[in-house]
Amino acid sequence: MSLQFIGVDPESGQSGSPTAWVDETTQEIVLQGYTADEATRAECVEKNAPGHDKVIPDGESVIRLPAHMIPILREACDAAERAAAVR
């Protein structure tokens, strides 16, 4: 594994910082974030992908996604940015 640091949440301070890396060996995105609260986790389970088990393992907060999901991540980032602009 060879991680390349991409960025960190500039508003998170010195600890507990959501961070993004790229694994140059596997071409996967590696993310660190906060563990969602129970209400959010329950909604994610309820709205899980069709045909998938309706469960999120306890404590998941670091995930790996294949490079082909980058367009989906961009779409999510764009939607979050638009939502933030409305606030």
C-alpha atoms as a PDB file:
ATOM      1  CA  MET A   1       0.000   0.000   0.000  1.00  0.00           C
ATOM      2  CA  SER A   2       1.228   3.485  -0.881  1.00  0.00           C
ATOM      3  CA  LEU A   3      -1.030   6.272   0.386  1.00  0.00           C
ATOM      4  CA  GLN A   4      -0.901   9.740  -1.137  1.00  0.00           C
ATOM      5  CA  PHE A   5      -2.404  12.438   1.113  1.00  0.00           C
ATOM      6  CA  ILE A   6      -5.047  14.425  -0.770  1.00  0.00           C
ATOM      7  CA  GLY A   7      -6.688  16.697   1.775  1.00  0.00           C
ATOM      8  CA  VAL A   8      -8.135  17.233   5.224  1.00  0.00           C
ATOM      9  CA  ASP A   9     -11.206  19.118   6.457  1.00  0.00           C
ATOM     10  CA  PRO A  10      -9.800  22.599   7.147  1.00  0.00           C
ATOM     11  CA  GLU A  11     -12.503  23.285   9.767  1.00  0.00           C
ATOM     12  CA  SER A  12     -11.855  20.215  11.935  1.00  0.00           C
ATOM     13  CA  GLY A  13      -8.906  21.376  13.996  1.00  0.00           C
ATOM     14  CA  GLN A  14      -5.906  19.255  14.946  1.00  0.00           C
ATOM     15  CA  SER A  15      -7.699  16.002  15.834  1.00  0.00           C
ATOM     16  CA  GLY A  16     -10.637  14.017  14.520  1.00  0.00           C
ATOM     17  CA  SER A  17     -10.043  15.355  11.052  1.00  0.00           C
ATOM     18  CA  PRO A  18     -11.935  13.870   8.086  1.00  0.00           C
ATOM     19  CA  THR A  19      -9.151  13.088   5.607  1.00  0.00           C
ATOM     20  CA  ALA A  20      -8.772  11.728   2.080  1.00  0.00           C
ATOM     21  CA  TRP A  21      -5.941   9.712   0.559  1.00  0.00           C
ATOM     22  CA  VAL A  22      -5.406   7.728  -2.633  1.00  0.00           C
ATOM     23  CA  ASP A  23      -3.838   4.278  -2.474  1.00  0.00           C
ATOM     24  CA  GLU A  24      -1.484   4.479  -5.437  1.00  0.00           C
ATOM     25  CA  THR A  25      -1.040   0.698  -5.426  1.00  0.00           C
ATOM     26  CA  THR A  26      -4.729  -0.227  -5.740  1.00  0.00           C
ATOM     27  CA  GLN A  27      -6.051   3.056  -7.191  1.00  0.00           C
ATOM     28  CA  GLU A  28      -8.590   3.181  -4.350  1.00  0.00           C
ATOM     29  CA  ILE A  29      -9.780   6.195  -2.413  1.00  0.00           C
ATOM     30  CA  VAL A  30      -9.277   5.921   1.355  1.00  0.00           C
ATOM     31  CA  LEU A  31     -11.427   8.095   3.613  1.00  0.00           C
ATOM     32  CA  GLN A  32     -11.425   8.839   7.338  1.00  0.00           C
ATOM     33  CA  GLY A  33     -14.527  10.359   8.853  1.00  0.00           C
ATOM     34  CA  TYR A  34     -16.777  10.551  11.849  1.00  0.00           C
ATOM     35  CA  THR A  35     -18.978   7.612  12.856  1.00  0.00           C
ATOM     36  CA  ALA A  36     -22.597   8.500  12.037  1.00  0.00           C
ATOM     37  CA  ASP A  37     -25.175   8.748  14.813  1.00  0.00           C
ATOM     38  CA  GLU A  38     -27.758   5.983  15.251  1.00  0.00           C
ATOM     39  CA  ALA A  39     -30.511   7.825  13.374  1.00  0.00           C
ATOM     40  CA  THR A  40     -28.270   8.301  10.340  1.00  0.00           C
ATOM     41  CA  ARG A  41     -27.035   4.692  10.489  1.00  0.00           C
ATOM     42  CA  ALA A  42     -30.634   3.427  10.678  1.00  0.00           C
ATOM     43  CA  GLU A  43     -31.610   5.451   7.609  1.00  0.00           C
ATOM     44  CA  CYS A  44     -28.557   4.186   5.696  1.00  0.00           C
ATOM     45  CA  VAL A  45     -29.561   0.604   6.540  1.00  0.00           C
ATOM     46  CA  GLU A  46     -33.147   1.273   5.452  1.00  0.00           C
ATOM     47  CA  LYS A  47     -32.058   2.875   2.169  1.00  0.00           C
ATOM     48  CA  ASN A  48     -29.281   0.374   1.403  1.00  0.00           C
ATOM     49  CA  ALA A  49     -28.680  -0.820  -2.153  1.00  0.00           C
ATOM     50  CA  PRO A  50     -31.385  -3.207  -3.398  1.00  0.00           C
ATOM     51  CA  GLY A  51     -30.433  -6.820  -2.777  1.00  0.00           C
ATOM     52  CA  HIS A  52     -27.764  -5.974  -0.213  1.00  0.00           C
ATOM     53  CA  ASP A  53     -27.874  -6.959   3.442  1.00  0.00           C
ATOM     54  CA  LYS A  54     -29.489  -4.275   5.580  1.00  0.00           C
ATOM     55  CA  VAL A  55     -26.622  -3.819   8.012  1.00  0.00           C
ATOM     56  CA  ILE A  56     -23.678  -1.509   8.666  1.00  0.00           C
ATOM     57  CA  PRO A  57     -20.974  -3.093  10.846  1.00  0.00           C
ATOM     58  CA  ASP A  58     -20.446  -1.256  14.135  1.00  0.00           C
ATOM     59  CA  GLY A  59     -17.765   1.416  14.121  1.00  0.00           C
ATOM     60  CA  GLU A  60     -17.244   1.750  10.376  1.00  0.00           C
ATOM     61  CA  SER A  61     -15.665   5.116   9.760  1.00  0.00           C
ATOM     62  CA  VAL A  62     -12.810   4.450   7.360  1.00  0.00           C
ATOM     63  CA  ILE A  63     -13.806   3.124   3.960  1.00  0.00           C
ATOM     64  CA  ARG A  64     -12.154   2.236   0.707  1.00  0.00           C
ATOM     65  CA  LEU A  65     -13.813   2.802  -2.660  1.00  0.00           C
ATOM     66  CA  PRO A  66     -12.593   1.757  -6.093  1.00  0.00           C
ATOM     67  CA  ALA A  67     -11.481   4.475  -8.483  1.00  0.00           C
ATOM     68  CA  HIS A  68     -14.465   3.853 -10.758  1.00  0.00           C
ATOM     69  CA  MET A  69     -16.702   5.348  -8.046  1.00  0.00           C
ATOM     70  CA  ILE A  70     -15.039   8.763  -8.380  1.00  0.00           C
ATOM     71  CA  PRO A  71     -17.905  10.152 -10.515  1.00  0.00           C
ATOM     72  CA  ILE A  72     -20.346   9.122  -7.776  1.00  0.00           C
ATOM     73  CA  LEU A  73     -18.205  10.804  -5.126  1.00  0.00           C
ATOM     74  CA  ARG A  74     -18.025  13.975  -7.235  1.00  0.00           C
ATOM     75  CA  GLU A  75     -21.784  13.956  -7.569  1.00  0.00           C
ATOM     76  CA  ALA A  76     -22.158  13.589  -3.794  1.00  0.00           C
ATOM     77  CA  CYS A  77     -19.664  16.403  -3.197  1.00  0.00           C
ATOM     78  CA  ASP A  78     -21.475  18.658  -5.677  1.00  0.00           C
ATOM     79  CA  ALA A  79     -24.818  17.929  -4.004  1.00  0.00           C
ATOM     80  CA  ALA A  80     -23.348  18.650  -0.555  1.00  0.00           C
ATOM     81  CA  GLU A  81     -21.821  21.893  -1.818  1.00  0.00           C
ATOM     82  CA  ARG A  82     -25.136  22.991  -3.320  1.00  0.00           C
ATOM     83  CA  ALA A  83     -26.927  22.125  -0.069  1.00  0.00           C
ATOM     84  CA  ALA A  84     -24.340  24.073   1.945  1.00  0.00           C
ATOM     85  CA  ALA A  85     -24.843  27.105  -0.302  1.00  0.00           C
ATOM     86  CA  VAL A  86     -28.549  27.061   0.521  1.00  0.00           C
ATOM     87  CA  ARG A  87     -27.907  27.161   4.280  1.00  0.00           C
END
